[in-house]
Amino acid sequence: MQTLRFTTSINCGNCVRAVTPALNELAGAGNWQVDTAVPEKVLTVQSDKLTPEQVVAAVQEEGFEITEA
């Protein structure tokens, strides 16, 4: 399983709820998490199939900033 890490602008519970449907569809429930307690708001995705570009596109489509860490 590959671990992808990103810095994001997902900074609160409401933001996490906003991206949940897209990330659950893309990576599967339980295969991603956002650490909103750190300044970088790190999104971690576990997957063997996804590319960083796919994750970036999904999060940007929901209106958040994201860059590969």
Protein backbone atom coordinates (compact mmCIF):
# COMPACT_ATOMS: atom_id res chain seq x y z
CA MET A 1 0.00 0.00 0.00
CA GLN A 2 1.36 3.38 -1.03
CA THR A 3 1.01 6.44 1.23
CA LEU A 4 0.38 9.79 -0.43
CA ARG A 5 0.74 12.99 1.63
CA PHE A 6 -0.51 16.48 0.83
CA THR A 7 -0.71 19.88 2.49
CA THR A 8 -4.19 21.36 2.21
CA SER A 9 -6.51 24.18 3.23
CA ILE A 10 -8.91 21.64 4.81
CA ASN A 11 -8.86 23.21 8.27
CA CYS A 12 -11.97 22.16 10.23
CA GLY A 13 -14.61 19.50 10.68
CA ASN A 14 -16.95 21.18 8.21
CA CYS A 15 -14.18 21.20 5.60
CA VAL A 16 -13.52 17.51 6.21
CA ARG A 17 -17.23 16.78 5.77
CA ALA A 18 -17.18 18.72 2.49
CA VAL A 19 -14.44 16.54 0.97
CA THR A 20 -15.60 13.25 2.51
CA PRO A 21 -17.90 12.13 -0.36
CA ALA A 22 -15.24 12.80 -3.01
CA LEU A 23 -12.41 11.16 -1.09
CA ASN A 24 -14.54 8.18 -0.04
CA GLU A 25 -15.44 7.63 -3.69
CA LEU A 26 -11.86 8.06 -4.85
CA ALA A 27 -9.86 6.26 -2.14
CA GLY A 28 -12.51 4.44 -0.14
CA ALA A 29 -13.73 5.14 3.37
CA GLY A 30 -11.01 4.51 5.92
CA ASN A 31 -8.19 4.98 3.40
CA TRP A 32 -7.66 8.68 4.00
CA GLN A 33 -7.50 11.19 6.83
CA VAL A 34 -6.84 14.88 7.39
CA ASP A 35 -4.84 16.08 10.39
CA THR A 36 -6.41 19.48 11.03
CA ALA A 37 -4.37 19.89 14.24
CA VAL A 38 -1.13 20.65 12.39
CA PRO A 39 -0.52 23.93 10.51
CA GLU A 40 -0.02 22.10 7.18
CA LYS A 41 -3.47 20.38 7.42
CA VAL A 42 -1.94 17.14 6.14
CA LEU A 43 -4.10 14.83 4.05
CA THR A 44 -2.84 11.24 4.01
CA VAL A 45 -4.21 8.75 1.48
CA GLN A 46 -3.47 5.01 1.42
CA SER A 47 -3.81 3.46 -2.03
CA ASP A 48 -2.08 1.27 -4.55
CA LYS A 49 -4.12 2.63 -7.46
CA LEU A 50 -4.29 6.41 -7.10
CA THR A 51 -1.90 8.98 -8.46
CA PRO A 52 -1.18 12.22 -6.62
CA GLU A 53 -2.78 14.08 -9.52
CA GLN A 54 -6.10 12.27 -9.01
CA VAL A 55 -6.20 13.24 -5.33
CA VAL A 56 -5.25 16.85 -6.09
CA ALA A 57 -7.99 17.12 -8.72
CA ALA A 58 -10.65 15.68 -6.40
CA VAL A 59 -9.80 18.04 -3.52
CA GLN A 60 -9.51 21.09 -5.79
CA GLU A 61 -12.90 20.26 -7.30
CA GLU A 62 -14.35 20.62 -3.79
CA GLY A 63 -12.84 24.13 -3.53
CA PHE A 64 -9.76 23.48 -1.38
CA GLU A 65 -6.09 24.18 -1.96
CA ILE A 66 -3.81 21.16 -2.04
CA THR A 67 -0.18 20.45 -2.88
CA GLU A 68 1.80 17.24 -2.74
CA ALA A 69 3.97 17.14 0.39
